[in-house]
Amino acid sequence: MHDRVHVPNKCPFQPFPFLWIFLLVIIIHSFFSLYLFYSLFFFSLYLFYQLMRQKYHPQKLCRKTMAIREAY
């Protein structure tokens, strides 16, 4: 009896990402201005992540500075 209760509990966790996406869509539709603000925030976070990646890869940073010098 106890095992039968635990088997269906595992099932709802499978479509959970889809449910989460659906919930996110609802949030986007209801709070569009807030979503825009958060998208800008995450974009800035992404830019910071790119900067951090460049710090760990000096060769990439060197190539970028050379490309900027060539552009000028």
Protein backbone atom coordinates (compact mmCIF):
# COMPACT_ATOMS: atom_id res chain seq x y z
CA MET A 1 0.00 0.00 0.00
CA HIS A 2 2.82 2.38 0.85
CA ASP A 3 4.69 1.58 -2.38
CA ARG A 4 1.58 2.28 -4.44
CA VAL A 5 1.42 5.81 -2.99
CA HIS A 6 5.07 6.49 -3.87
CA VAL A 7 4.83 5.41 -7.53
CA PRO A 8 2.34 8.14 -8.67
CA ASN A 9 4.34 10.79 -6.78
CA LYS A 10 7.24 10.32 -9.21
CA CYS A 11 5.01 10.94 -12.23
CA PRO A 12 4.26 14.69 -11.75
CA PHE A 13 7.98 15.46 -11.70
CA GLN A 14 8.37 14.42 -15.35
CA PRO A 15 6.22 17.19 -16.95
CA PHE A 16 7.45 19.70 -14.35
CA PRO A 17 9.72 21.72 -16.74
CA PHE A 18 6.85 22.15 -19.20
CA LEU A 19 4.56 23.23 -16.36
CA TRP A 20 7.23 25.69 -15.21
CA ILE A 21 7.52 27.15 -18.74
CA PHE A 22 3.73 27.51 -18.89
CA LEU A 23 3.78 29.33 -15.54
CA LEU A 24 6.55 31.60 -16.82
CA VAL A 25 4.49 32.44 -19.91
CA ILE A 26 1.55 33.43 -17.68
CA ILE A 27 3.89 35.62 -15.60
CA ILE A 28 5.25 37.23 -18.80
CA HIS A 29 1.74 38.01 -20.04
CA SER A 30 0.56 39.45 -16.71
CA PHE A 31 3.72 41.37 -15.77
CA PHE A 32 5.18 42.33 -19.15
CA SER A 33 6.86 45.49 -17.86
CA LEU A 34 8.40 43.51 -15.00
CA TYR A 35 9.53 40.82 -17.46
CA LEU A 36 11.18 43.49 -19.61
CA PHE A 37 13.04 44.76 -16.54
CA TYR A 38 14.14 41.24 -15.61
CA SER A 39 15.23 40.47 -19.17
CA LEU A 40 17.45 43.56 -19.08
CA PHE A 41 18.78 42.43 -15.70
CA PHE A 42 19.57 38.93 -17.00
CA PHE A 43 21.15 40.44 -20.12
CA SER A 44 23.48 42.50 -17.91
CA LEU A 45 24.25 39.32 -15.95
CA TYR A 46 25.08 37.58 -19.23
CA LEU A 47 27.40 40.43 -20.22
CA PHE A 48 29.13 40.13 -16.84
CA TYR A 49 29.46 36.37 -17.40
CA GLN A 50 31.07 37.05 -20.79
CA LEU A 51 33.50 39.44 -19.10
CA MET A 52 34.37 36.80 -16.52
CA ARG A 53 34.91 34.25 -19.31
CA GLN A 54 37.28 36.65 -21.02
CA LYS A 55 39.23 37.03 -17.78
CA TYR A 56 39.74 33.27 -17.64
CA HIS A 57 40.74 33.17 -21.33
CA PRO A 58 43.47 35.81 -21.88
CA GLN A 59 44.01 34.68 -25.49
CA LYS A 60 40.39 35.49 -26.37
CA LEU A 61 40.72 38.92 -24.75
CA CYS A 62 43.92 39.51 -26.74
CA ARG A 63 42.16 38.67 -29.99
CA LYS A 64 39.28 41.01 -29.14
CA THR A 65 41.63 43.92 -28.37
CA MET A 66 43.48 43.23 -31.64
CA ALA A 67 40.17 43.23 -33.54
CA ILE A 68 39.28 46.58 -31.94
CA ARG A 69 42.70 47.99 -32.94
CA GLU A 70 42.18 46.76 -36.50
CA ALA A 71 38.73 48.38 -36.59
CA TYR A 72 40.26 51.74 -35.70
